[in-house]
Amino acid sequence: MRARRLLFLGLHQLTAYHWQGGTLHDEGHFTIGPEGYAEFAAYLRHHSGCTFMLLANVAEEGYQPETIPYLQGRDRQAVIERKLGQYFFGASLACAKSLGYEKNKRKDERLLLTALTNPAFFAPWLAALAEAQVALAGVYSLAQLAPLLLRRLKIAEPRCLVLSVQDQSIRQSYLENGELHFSRLTPLQNSSQAGIAQAFASEAGKLQQYLTSQRLIGRDQALTAYVLAHAGTHKAIATSCIDTPQLNFVVIDSTDAARRTGLKTPPPNSFSDTLFLNLLASAPPAQQYANDEQRHLHHLGQLRTLLLGGGATLLGACLLYAGLQLYDRHAVAERSAELRAETQLARQRYDAIARTFPPMPTDSASLHRLIERHAELERASATPAGLYRDVARALHAAPTVEIDGIDWHLGAPRPNDARPAQTATPAAPASSSTTENATLRGNLRPGTSKTPRRQLEAFEHFVDALRANPALEVEVQRRPFDIEPGKSLKGSDIDSDDDKPRSFVLHLRRKPAT
């Protein structure tokens, strides 16, 4: 972070201070003139890496209250710049302070337009700052710090005056509801205690009369004047500053004010330059007089600080994440070591228990092969239950068919089952060891119709019901009636008294389920 240095520009000279944690170190005094400008330029060359803030205490100041319509963004800024140009033409150091909004339907905004009206007085100092390429944070007026002083001292007054002594001058500021409305500077002719006390009394009375004439306060309205002075001058001030119905004086001890505002080096006398400089360094006002071109290097420094801060934050986050990952890795490694130890202990316990078992008749590999073979045989084993169900479904559709026996086996057909059939299905592919083969023997009862044609139709219906099952292959090995192919069946071809059941033989092949 850049070191912060403060410049106090008064009526007769410029003083440079180094501020650090509420402590001010005087680093030089530079008179107004060519010699002082040259010394100041040499001072800046030795502190080119610092950030400077300029606090001015000059008499050439302008204050103008103004009201503008409710605007935002660029429109508001354009109106403010136009108003500043109208009231303070040619003043490069100007700014506007918002005083709130009117309580009406339009919500007009109240502004206090202020400017340092003698730019030539500031030009040599600002030129030296620009030439030295140093960062200028802003140009401020001492009157801007009066509201901050009262807030730090916890003084709340609707309307009051703040009087202070610095750089052989008396600063008088008028505040309303904690906001600056007017300020003026008067040179101090007599810097003795009595002279300072007399100046406080006279200048407070003059400012009260001016505010009344400008109708900023009522004619009979009472004001409280807060006088900032050293404890050694309180007696003289009490003698000179006599209360009136319109003006009431309250003395603030500068040493106590320095302590309450955080200044670690209190002023040794009634001059309050360092008190206001400490306020500026600790809490600079939001408004200041320098333009963006004069503060360009300061803006670059802020951007650099922001980038460095963001980078440092990101680096810290990455380091934190890496630390968490390292911690998790360490925890996982410890857990893995614990699991390995538990596994080793369990293996040792198992080996100890296994050694107590009786000896096996065979080795483990042969036992595993035997178990796998047994499981394979279990999966390959079959029963005739499926075939019986298929035959039962076909019998349900043929009530005149009776089954005398079924010879069932697995594997290829037996030789006595492979004799030529009278009517056979197309040749089936070779069956595997799990193919079911069965020889079905049965009888065909005459039923209600004893005609051979009807009985043969019932037999064919039974065979068709079996063939309708895609898992079955049916071969008719013997029919209930022996007839020649192509010859019609007549009743005279069969004995009329032959009403006995007609036997038949079928060969069934059932494919294994897939």
Protein backbone atom coordinates (compact mmCIF):
# COMPACT_ATOMS: atom_id res chain seq x y z
CA MET A 1 0.00 0.00 0.00
CA ARG A 2 1.25 3.46 -0.85
CA ALA A 3 2.32 5.76 1.96
CA ARG A 4 -0.10 8.63 2.56
CA ARG A 5 1.14 12.20 2.81
CA LEU A 6 -0.91 15.31 3.52
CA LEU A 7 -0.39 18.83 2.24
CA PHE A 8 -1.81 21.83 4.11
CA LEU A 9 -2.02 24.95 1.94
CA GLY A 10 -2.65 28.14 3.88
CA LEU A 11 -2.45 31.82 3.13
CA HIS A 12 1.34 32.05 3.41
CA GLN A 13 2.85 28.60 2.89
CA LEU A 14 2.35 24.91 2.17
CA THR A 15 3.24 22.34 4.83
CA ALA A 16 3.87 18.65 4.13
CA TYR A 17 3.06 15.91 6.65
CA HIS A 18 3.48 12.16 6.77
CA TRP A 19 0.41 10.55 8.34
CA GLN A 20 0.64 7.08 9.84
CA GLY A 21 -1.95 5.61 12.20
CA GLY A 22 -3.09 8.93 13.70
CA THR A 23 0.43 10.36 13.99
CA LEU A 24 1.56 13.36 11.91
CA HIS A 25 5.22 14.03 11.11
CA ASP A 26 6.14 17.47 9.78
CA GLU A 27 8.32 17.01 6.67
CA GLY A 28 8.75 20.54 5.37
CA HIS A 29 7.43 24.06 4.85
CA PHE A 30 7.33 25.65 1.41
CA THR A 31 6.73 29.38 1.00
CA ILE A 32 4.61 30.84 -1.75
CA GLY A 33 7.00 31.90 -4.49
CA PRO A 34 9.47 30.48 -7.02
CA GLU A 35 11.88 29.31 -4.36
CA GLY A 36 9.14 27.49 -2.45
CA TYR A 37 7.81 25.90 -5.66
CA ALA A 38 11.27 24.56 -6.52
CA GLU A 39 11.77 23.11 -3.02
CA PHE A 40 8.36 21.50 -3.21
CA ALA A 41 9.22 19.90 -6.58
CA ALA A 42 12.42 18.47 -5.07
CA TYR A 43 10.40 17.12 -2.12
CA LEU A 44 7.99 15.40 -4.49
CA ARG A 45 10.81 13.70 -6.39
CA HIS A 46 11.88 12.02 -3.15
CA HIS A 47 8.32 10.76 -2.49
CA SER A 48 7.09 9.90 -5.97
CA GLY A 49 5.57 6.62 -4.82
CA CYS A 50 3.21 8.19 -2.28
CA THR A 51 -0.42 9.30 -2.40
CA PHE A 52 -1.01 12.98 -1.63
CA MET A 53 -4.10 14.80 -0.29
CA LEU A 54 -4.24 18.60 -0.39
CA LEU A 55 -6.18 20.47 2.31
CA ALA A 56 -6.70 24.13 1.47
CA ASN A 57 -7.53 26.94 3.91
CA VAL A 58 -7.99 30.01 1.72
CA ALA A 59 -10.31 32.95 1.68
CA GLU A 60 -11.28 32.69 -2.01
CA GLU A 61 -14.20 30.29 -1.64
CA GLY A 62 -17.69 30.45 -3.04
CA TYR A 63 -20.89 28.87 -1.71
CA GLN A 64 -24.14 28.89 -3.62
CA PRO A 65 -27.33 26.96 -2.69
CA GLU A 66 -29.25 25.64 -5.68
CA THR A 67 -32.26 23.44 -6.44
CA ILE A 68 -32.43 21.15 -9.46
CA PRO A 69 -35.12 18.72 -10.69
CA TYR A 70 -34.99 15.10 -9.65
CA LEU A 71 -32.44 13.54 -12.00
CA GLN A 72 -30.05 10.61 -12.02
CA GLY A 73 -26.91 9.51 -13.77
CA ARG A 74 -25.42 11.54 -16.59
CA ASP A 75 -28.37 13.94 -16.77
CA ARG A 76 -27.84 14.98 -13.15
CA GLN A 77 -24.09 15.38 -13.66
CA ALA A 78 -24.63 17.49 -16.79
CA VAL A 79 -27.01 19.85 -14.95
CA ILE A 80 -24.58 20.19 -12.03
CA GLU A 81 -21.67 21.00 -14.33
CA ARG A 82 -23.75 23.62 -16.10
CA LYS A 83 -24.75 25.22 -12.79
CA LEU A 84 -21.13 25.26 -11.59
CA GLY A 85 -20.08 26.96 -14.83
CA GLN A 86 -22.78 29.59 -14.39
CA TYR A 87 -21.92 30.50 -10.79
CA PHE A 88 -18.14 29.91 -10.80
CA PHE A 89 -17.01 30.64 -14.35
CA GLY A 90 -13.39 29.70 -14.92
CA ALA A 91 -13.01 27.91 -11.56
CA SER A 92 -11.42 24.53 -12.24
CA LEU A 93 -11.71 23.44 -8.60
CA ALA A 94 -15.44 23.09 -7.92
CA CYS A 95 -17.87 20.47 -6.60
CA ALA A 96 -21.48 20.01 -5.50
CA LYS A 97 -22.82 18.64 -2.21
CA SER A 98 -26.31 17.13 -2.04
CA LEU A 99 -28.41 18.47 0.85
CA GLY A 100 -31.37 16.15 0.31
CA TYR A 101 -34.67 16.40 -1.53
CA GLU A 102 -37.66 18.66 -1.20
CA LYS A 103 -40.69 17.11 0.46
CA ASN A 104 -43.11 17.73 -2.38
CA LYS A 105 -44.39 15.90 -5.41
CA ARG A 106 -41.49 16.92 -7.64
CA LYS A 107 -38.82 15.87 -5.11
CA ASP A 108 -36.42 18.56 -6.26
CA GLU A 109 -32.85 18.08 -5.04
CA ARG A 110 -31.15 20.74 -2.93
CA LEU A 111 -27.47 21.28 -3.66
CA LEU A 112 -24.65 23.35 -2.21
CA LEU A 113 -22.36 24.41 -5.05
CA THR A 114 -18.87 25.29 -3.83
CA ALA A 115 -15.64 26.32 -5.54
CA LEU A 116 -12.14 27.55 -4.84
CA THR A 117 -12.41 30.73 -6.87
CA ASN A 118 -8.70 31.58 -7.23
CA PRO A 119 -7.28 28.82 -9.49
CA ALA A 120 -4.06 30.78 -10.06
CA PHE A 121 -3.18 30.37 -6.38
CA PHE A 122 -3.33 26.55 -6.72
CA ALA A 123 -1.85 26.25 -10.21
CA PRO A 124 1.91 26.12 -9.26
CA TRP A 125 1.34 23.46 -6.61
CA LEU A 126 -0.88 21.32 -8.85
CA ALA A 127 1.59 21.68 -11.73
CA ALA A 128 4.41 20.44 -9.48
CA LEU A 129 2.30 17.41 -8.49
CA ALA A 130 1.52 16.61 -12.14
CA GLU A 131 5.13 17.04 -13.24
CA ALA A 132 6.39 14.73 -10.48
CA GLN A 133 3.90 12.02 -11.59
CA VAL A 134 2.56 11.51 -8.08
CA ALA A 135 -0.95 10.32 -7.22
CA LEU A 136 -3.29 13.10 -6.05
CA ALA A 137 -6.24 11.69 -4.11
CA GLY A 138 -8.09 15.00 -3.99
CA VAL A 139 -8.20 18.69 -3.11
CA TYR A 140 -10.31 19.53 -0.07
CA SER A 141 -11.36 22.62 1.85
CA LEU A 142 -10.97 22.85 5.60
CA ALA A 143 -14.62 23.88 5.89
CA GLN A 144 -15.69 20.45 4.52
CA LEU A 145 -14.32 18.79 7.68
CA ALA A 146 -16.40 20.80 10.18
CA PRO A 147 -19.42 18.40 9.94
CA LEU A 148 -17.12 15.40 10.51
CA LEU A 149 -15.59 17.12 13.57
CA LEU A 150 -19.01 17.58 15.19
CA ARG A 151 -19.99 13.97 14.43
CA ARG A 152 -16.79 12.69 16.02
CA LEU A 153 -17.46 14.85 19.08
CA LYS A 154 -21.11 13.64 19.11
CA ILE A 155 -22.53 17.17 18.88
CA ALA A 156 -25.94 17.40 17.24
CA GLU A 157 -27.34 20.90 16.69
CA PRO A 158 -30.01 21.98 14.19
CA ARG A 159 -28.03 25.19 13.49
CA CYS A 160 -24.60 26.14 14.80
CA LEU A 161 -21.31 27.84 14.09
CA VAL A 162 -17.85 26.22 14.22
CA LEU A 163 -14.87 28.55 14.80
CA SER A 164 -11.22 27.49 14.73
CA VAL A 165 -7.73 29.00 14.38
CA GLN A 166 -5.15 27.81 11.85
CA ASP A 167 -2.39 29.37 9.77
CA GLN A 168 -2.87 32.88 11.24
CA SER A 169 -6.58 32.91 10.30
CA ILE A 170 -10.01 32.39 11.81
CA ARG A 171 -12.27 29.89 10.04
CA GLN A 172 -16.01 30.30 10.63
CA SER A 173 -18.47 27.73 9.26
CA TYR A 174 -22.26 27.61 9.44
CA LEU A 175 -23.85 24.14 9.71
CA GLU A 176 -27.50 23.21 9.48
CA ASN A 177 -28.64 19.70 10.45
CA GLY A 178 -25.05 18.51 10.35
CA GLU A 179 -24.36 19.79 6.81
CA LEU A 180 -22.15 22.73 5.76
CA HIS A 181 -24.04 25.67 4.27
CA PHE A 182 -21.55 28.52 4.41
CA SER A 183 -17.96 29.24 5.50
CA ARG A 184 -15.61 32.22 5.51
CA LEU A 185 -11.99 32.92 6.43
CA THR A 186 -10.67 36.00 8.23
CA PRO A 187 -6.98 36.77 8.71
CA LEU A 188 -5.85 36.86 12.33
CA GLN A 189 -4.17 40.21 13.13
CA ASN A 190 -3.21 39.43 16.74
CA SER A 191 -2.15 35.86 17.63
CA SER A 192 -2.00 36.43 21.39
CA GLN A 193 -4.52 34.71 23.63
CA ALA A 194 -6.48 37.92 24.11
CA GLY A 195 -6.32 38.68 20.38
CA ILE A 196 -7.57 35.21 19.47
CA ALA A 197 -10.42 35.45 22.01
CA GLN A 198 -11.43 38.90 20.74
CA ALA A 199 -11.36 37.63 17.14
CA PHE A 200 -13.64 34.76 18.02
CA ALA A 201 -16.20 37.11 19.58
CA SER A 202 -16.20 39.67 16.81
CA GLU A 203 -16.17 37.24 13.87
CA ALA A 204 -18.97 35.13 15.35
CA GLY A 205 -21.13 38.26 15.70
CA LYS A 206 -20.38 39.34 12.12
CA LEU A 207 -21.25 35.90 10.71
CA GLN A 208 -24.50 35.84 12.71
CA GLN A 209 -25.49 39.19 11.22
CA TYR A 210 -24.56 38.04 7.70
CA LEU A 211 -26.65 34.89 7.98
CA THR A 212 -29.59 36.97 9.20
CA SER A 213 -29.24 39.38 6.29
CA GLN A 214 -29.15 36.48 3.83
CA ARG A 215 -32.25 35.02 5.51
CA LEU A 216 -30.45 31.77 6.26
CA ILE A 217 -31.59 32.16 9.88
CA GLY A 218 -34.34 34.14 11.55
CA ARG A 219 -33.67 37.60 13.00
CA ASP A 220 -34.28 36.51 16.58
CA GLN A 221 -33.11 32.94 16.12
CA ALA A 222 -30.43 31.84 18.59
CA LEU A 223 -27.21 30.18 17.43
CA THR A 224 -24.60 28.12 19.28
CA ALA A 225 -21.01 28.94 18.40
CA TYR A 226 -18.56 26.07 19.08
CA VAL A 227 -15.08 27.48 19.58
CA LEU A 228 -12.15 25.07 19.15
CA ALA A 229 -9.27 26.31 21.32
CA HIS A 230 -6.44 25.18 23.57
CA ALA A 231 -7.09 24.86 27.30
CA GLY A 232 -4.72 27.80 27.97
CA THR A 233 -7.01 30.23 26.13
CA HIS A 234 -10.30 29.22 27.77
CA LYS A 235 -10.13 31.98 30.37
CA ALA A 236 -9.46 34.68 27.80
CA ILE A 237 -12.25 33.34 25.58
CA ALA A 238 -14.70 33.31 28.49
CA THR A 239 -13.85 36.96 29.13
CA SER A 240 -14.31 38.09 25.50
CA CYS A 241 -17.02 35.75 24.21
CA ILE A 242 -20.08 36.81 26.20
CA ASP A 243 -23.37 35.06 25.51
CA THR A 244 -26.25 37.05 23.99
CA PRO A 245 -29.87 36.11 23.25
CA GLN A 246 -28.84 35.49 19.63
CA LEU A 247 -25.44 33.86 20.20
CA ASN A 248 -24.28 31.29 22.75
CA PHE A 249 -20.57 30.31 22.97
CA VAL A 250 -19.36 26.76 23.81
CA VAL A 251 -15.61 26.17 24.07
CA ILE A 252 -14.21 22.80 22.88
CA ASP A 253 -10.82 21.79 24.27
CA SER A 254 -8.54 21.04 21.29
CA THR A 255 -6.58 18.44 23.29
CA ASP A 256 -9.79 16.55 24.17
CA ALA A 257 -11.00 16.88 20.58
CA ALA A 258 -7.70 15.41 19.32
CA ARG A 259 -8.07 12.42 21.63
CA ARG A 260 -11.67 11.79 20.61
CA THR A 261 -10.90 12.08 16.89
CA GLY A 262 -7.89 9.72 17.01
CA LEU A 263 -5.01 12.23 16.73
CA LYS A 264 -2.08 10.84 18.71
CA THR A 265 -0.08 14.10 18.57
CA PRO A 266 -2.43 16.79 19.99
CA PRO A 267 -1.74 20.41 18.99
CA PRO A 268 0.35 22.31 21.56
CA ASN A 269 -1.65 25.55 21.05
CA SER A 270 -4.97 26.74 19.68
CA PHE A 271 -3.91 26.19 16.05
CA SER A 272 -5.95 23.20 14.81
CA ASP A 273 -4.22 22.47 11.50
CA THR A 274 -3.14 18.95 12.52
CA LEU A 275 -6.56 18.18 13.99
CA PHE A 276 -8.28 18.75 10.65
CA LEU A 277 -5.49 16.96 8.75
CA ASN A 278 -6.03 13.85 10.85
CA LEU A 279 -9.76 13.99 10.12
CA LEU A 280 -8.98 14.23 6.42
CA ALA A 281 -6.64 11.25 6.50
CA SER A 282 -8.97 9.03 8.55
CA ALA A 283 -12.26 9.83 6.79
CA PRO A 284 -11.95 12.01 3.67
CA PRO A 285 -15.22 13.63 2.47
CA ALA A 286 -16.98 12.12 -0.50
CA GLN A 287 -16.83 15.43 -2.40
CA GLN A 288 -13.56 17.08 -3.40
CA TYR A 289 -12.50 19.80 -5.86
CA ALA A 290 -9.96 18.11 -8.18
CA ASN A 291 -11.16 16.82 -11.56
CA ASP A 292 -10.63 13.34 -13.02
CA GLU A 293 -7.61 14.40 -15.08
CA GLN A 294 -5.81 15.64 -11.97
CA ARG A 295 -6.67 12.40 -10.13
CA HIS A 296 -5.82 10.05 -13.01
CA LEU A 297 -2.80 8.49 -11.32
CA HIS A 298 -4.79 8.02 -8.13
CA HIS A 299 -7.48 6.13 -10.05
CA LEU A 300 -4.80 3.91 -11.58
CA GLY A 301 -3.43 3.24 -8.11
CA GLN A 302 -6.89 2.30 -6.86
CA LEU A 303 -7.33 -0.07 -9.79
CA ARG A 304 -3.91 -1.59 -9.13
CA THR A 305 -4.76 -2.03 -5.46
CA LEU A 306 -8.07 -3.65 -6.38
CA LEU A 307 -6.38 -6.08 -8.75
CA LEU A 308 -3.69 -6.93 -6.22
CA GLY A 309 -6.30 -7.39 -3.52
CA GLY A 310 -8.39 -9.61 -5.78
CA GLY A 311 -5.33 -11.62 -6.74
CA ALA A 312 -4.30 -12.00 -3.11
CA THR A 313 -7.84 -13.10 -2.20
CA LEU A 314 -7.87 -15.64 -5.03
CA LEU A 315 -4.44 -16.90 -4.03
CA GLY A 316 -5.58 -17.25 -0.43
CA ALA A 317 -8.67 -19.17 -1.55
CA CYS A 318 -6.52 -21.48 -3.69
CA LEU A 319 -4.10 -22.07 -0.82
CA LEU A 320 -7.00 -22.80 1.49
CA TYR A 321 -8.48 -25.25 -1.01
CA ALA A 322 -5.09 -26.89 -1.47
CA GLY A 323 -4.75 -27.20 2.30
CA LEU A 324 -8.16 -28.83 2.54
CA GLN A 325 -7.26 -31.26 -0.25
CA LEU A 326 -3.97 -32.09 1.47
CA TYR A 327 -5.81 -32.67 4.73
CA ASP A 328 -8.34 -34.94 2.99
CA ARG A 329 -5.52 -36.85 1.29
CA HIS A 330 -3.79 -37.33 4.62
CA ALA A 331 -7.07 -38.53 6.19
CA VAL A 332 -7.68 -40.96 3.30
CA ALA A 333 -4.13 -42.29 3.59
CA GLU A 334 -4.58 -42.87 7.32
CA ARG A 335 -7.91 -44.61 6.74
CA SER A 336 -6.39 -46.80 4.03
CA ALA A 337 -3.58 -47.79 6.37
CA GLU A 338 -6.14 -48.68 9.05
CA LEU A 339 -8.14 -50.80 6.58
CA ARG A 340 -5.01 -52.60 5.41
CA ALA A 341 -4.09 -53.35 9.01
CA GLU A 342 -7.62 -54.62 9.70
CA THR A 343 -7.51 -56.76 6.56
CA GLN A 344 -4.17 -58.26 7.55
CA LEU A 345 -5.48 -58.99 11.04
CA ALA A 346 -8.63 -60.61 9.62
CA ARG A 347 -6.53 -62.74 7.24
CA GLN A 348 -4.37 -63.88 10.13
CA ARG A 349 -7.47 -64.79 12.16
CA TYR A 350 -8.91 -66.71 9.20
CA ASP A 351 -5.67 -68.61 8.68
CA ALA A 352 -5.58 -69.48 12.38
CA ILE A 353 -9.16 -70.78 12.25
CA ALA A 354 -8.55 -72.64 8.96
CA ARG A 355 -5.63 -74.50 10.50
CA THR A 356 -8.09 -76.04 13.01
CA PHE A 357 -10.23 -77.60 10.21
CA PRO A 358 -9.81 -81.37 9.40
CA PRO A 359 -7.74 -82.12 6.28
CA MET A 360 -9.60 -81.98 2.96
CA PRO A 361 -9.74 -85.20 0.82
CA THR A 362 -8.77 -83.20 -2.24
CA ASP A 363 -7.22 -79.91 -3.06
CA SER A 364 -9.15 -76.64 -3.39
CA ALA A 365 -8.82 -76.44 -7.19
CA SER A 366 -10.36 -79.88 -7.71
CA LEU A 367 -13.12 -79.04 -5.26
CA HIS A 368 -13.91 -75.84 -7.14
CA ARG A 369 -14.07 -77.73 -10.45
CA LEU A 370 -16.37 -80.32 -8.90
CA ILE A 371 -18.71 -77.65 -7.56
CA GLU A 372 -18.80 -75.87 -10.91
CA ARG A 373 -19.56 -79.17 -12.71
CA HIS A 374 -22.33 -79.95 -10.27
CA ALA A 375 -23.85 -76.51 -10.82
CA GLU A 376 -23.65 -77.02 -14.59
CA LEU A 377 -25.42 -80.39 -14.30
CA GLU A 378 -28.08 -78.84 -12.13
CA ARG A 379 -28.70 -76.17 -14.75
CA ALA A 380 -28.72 -78.77 -17.57
CA SER A 381 -31.05 -81.28 -15.83
CA ALA A 382 -34.60 -81.55 -17.15
CA THR A 383 -37.90 -83.35 -16.27
CA PRO A 384 -40.83 -84.42 -18.48
CA ALA A 385 -43.13 -81.95 -16.71
CA GLY A 386 -43.01 -79.45 -19.57
CA LEU A 387 -43.74 -82.10 -22.18
CA TYR A 388 -46.62 -83.45 -20.10
CA ARG A 389 -48.17 -80.00 -19.91
CA ASP A 390 -47.94 -79.55 -23.69
CA VAL A 391 -49.62 -82.95 -24.28
CA ALA A 392 -52.29 -82.16 -21.70
CA ARG A 393 -53.22 -78.92 -23.50
CA ALA A 394 -53.59 -80.85 -26.78
CA LEU A 395 -55.72 -83.56 -25.07
CA HIS A 396 -58.06 -80.89 -23.75
CA ALA A 397 -58.99 -80.08 -27.36
CA ALA A 398 -59.40 -83.82 -28.31
CA PRO A 399 -61.71 -85.59 -25.80
CA THR A 400 -61.83 -88.88 -27.82
CA VAL A 401 -58.07 -89.41 -27.53
CA GLU A 402 -56.72 -91.56 -24.67
CA ILE A 403 -53.03 -91.93 -23.78
CA ASP A 404 -51.77 -95.41 -22.80
CA GLY A 405 -48.13 -94.51 -22.15
CA ILE A 406 -45.29 -92.09 -22.75
CA ASP A 407 -41.63 -93.16 -23.06
CA TRP A 408 -39.56 -90.04 -22.28
CA HIS A 409 -35.75 -89.56 -22.36
CA LEU A 410 -33.10 -86.89 -22.98
CA GLY A 411 -30.68 -86.86 -25.87
CA ALA A 412 -30.79 -88.26 -29.39
CA PRO A 413 -33.71 -90.49 -30.50
CA ARG A 414 -33.32 -94.19 -29.79
CA PRO A 415 -32.95 -96.58 -32.73
CA ASN A 416 -36.36 -98.13 -32.26
CA ASP A 417 -37.94 -94.64 -32.37
CA ALA A 418 -36.48 -93.76 -35.78
CA ARG A 419 -38.53 -96.20 -37.98
CA PRO A 420 -40.24 -94.66 -41.01
CA ALA A 421 -43.45 -92.83 -40.28
CA GLN A 422 -46.51 -92.79 -42.39
CA THR A 423 -46.76 -89.02 -42.15
CA ALA A 424 -43.76 -87.04 -40.83
CA THR A 425 -42.80 -83.45 -40.42
CA PRO A 426 -39.73 -82.06 -42.21
CA ALA A 427 -36.38 -83.26 -40.89
CA ALA A 428 -35.35 -81.54 -37.68
CA PRO A 429 -31.80 -80.50 -36.88
CA ALA A 430 -29.68 -82.66 -34.65
CA SER A 431 -30.71 -82.29 -31.04
CA SER A 432 -28.39 -81.56 -28.21
CA SER A 433 -28.01 -83.49 -24.99
CA THR A 434 -30.84 -81.48 -23.46
CA THR A 435 -33.42 -82.23 -26.21
CA GLU A 436 -36.43 -84.21 -24.92
CA ASN A 437 -37.70 -87.18 -26.91
CA ALA A 438 -40.87 -89.07 -26.16
CA THR A 439 -42.88 -91.90 -27.75
CA LEU A 440 -46.59 -91.41 -27.13
CA ARG A 441 -48.94 -94.41 -27.40
CA GLY A 442 -52.68 -94.02 -27.23
CA ASN A 443 -56.12 -95.04 -28.39
CA LEU A 444 -58.87 -93.30 -30.28
CA ARG A 445 -62.32 -94.06 -28.80
CA PRO A 446 -65.27 -94.13 -31.18
CA GLY A 447 -67.26 -91.60 -29.22
CA THR A 448 -70.76 -90.53 -30.32
CA SER A 449 -69.86 -90.87 -34.00
CA LYS A 450 -68.54 -94.28 -35.04
CA THR A 451 -67.74 -93.36 -38.62
CA PRO A 452 -64.04 -93.79 -39.43
CA ARG A 453 -63.89 -90.41 -41.17
CA ARG A 454 -65.02 -88.60 -38.00
CA GLN A 455 -62.58 -90.55 -35.86
CA LEU A 456 -59.72 -89.80 -38.25
CA GLU A 457 -60.62 -86.11 -38.21
CA ALA A 458 -60.48 -86.18 -34.38
CA PHE A 459 -57.01 -87.76 -34.55
CA GLU A 460 -55.78 -85.16 -37.05
CA HIS A 461 -57.18 -82.40 -34.85
CA PHE A 462 -55.15 -83.79 -31.90
CA VAL A 463 -51.95 -83.94 -34.01
CA ASP A 464 -52.51 -80.35 -35.26
CA ALA A 465 -52.94 -79.16 -31.66
CA LEU A 466 -49.56 -80.67 -30.78
CA ARG A 467 -47.87 -79.15 -33.85
CA ALA A 468 -49.30 -75.72 -33.01
CA ASN A 469 -46.80 -75.60 -30.14
CA PRO A 470 -43.53 -74.19 -31.69
CA ALA A 471 -41.44 -76.09 -29.11
CA LEU A 472 -42.67 -79.50 -30.34
CA GLU A 473 -41.77 -81.55 -33.42
CA VAL A 474 -44.34 -84.30 -34.10
CA GLU A 475 -43.88 -87.48 -36.18
CA VAL A 476 -46.81 -89.84 -36.71
CA GLN A 477 -45.39 -93.36 -36.56
CA ARG A 478 -48.70 -95.22 -36.66
CA ARG A 479 -52.17 -93.96 -37.47
CA PRO A 480 -55.42 -95.37 -36.03
CA PHE A 481 -56.47 -96.46 -39.58
CA ASP A 482 -54.18 -97.94 -42.20
CA ILE A 483 -55.06 -96.34 -45.53
CA GLU A 484 -53.09 -95.93 -48.70
CA PRO A 485 -52.07 -92.40 -49.67
CA GLY A 486 -54.42 -90.84 -52.22
CA LYS A 487 -57.21 -93.35 -51.59
CA SER A 488 -60.48 -92.19 -50.04
CA LEU A 489 -61.74 -93.83 -46.88
CA LYS A 490 -65.07 -95.70 -47.21
CA GLY A 491 -67.23 -97.45 -44.68
CA SER A 492 -67.09 -100.78 -46.62
CA ASP A 493 -63.30 -100.87 -46.21
CA ILE A 494 -63.62 -101.49 -42.47
CA ASP A 495 -65.55 -104.15 -40.67
CA SER A 496 -68.85 -102.79 -39.53
CA ASP A 497 -68.62 -104.58 -36.22
CA ASP A 498 -65.18 -103.09 -35.42
CA ASP A 499 -66.09 -100.48 -32.85
CA LYS A 500 -63.07 -101.11 -30.68
CA PRO A 501 -60.62 -98.25 -29.84
CA ARG A 502 -58.03 -97.58 -32.53
CA SER A 503 -54.41 -97.34 -31.35
CA PHE A 504 -51.80 -94.88 -32.65
CA VAL A 505 -48.11 -94.03 -31.97
CA LEU A 506 -46.53 -90.52 -32.08
CA HIS A 507 -42.91 -89.48 -31.66
CA LEU A 508 -42.43 -86.06 -29.99
CA ARG A 509 -39.25 -84.03 -29.90
CA ARG A 510 -39.21 -81.01 -27.54
CA LYS A 511 -36.55 -78.35 -28.07
CA PRO A 512 -34.71 -77.05 -25.00
CA ALA A 513 -35.90 -73.68 -23.72
CA THR A 514 -33.63 -70.73 -24.67
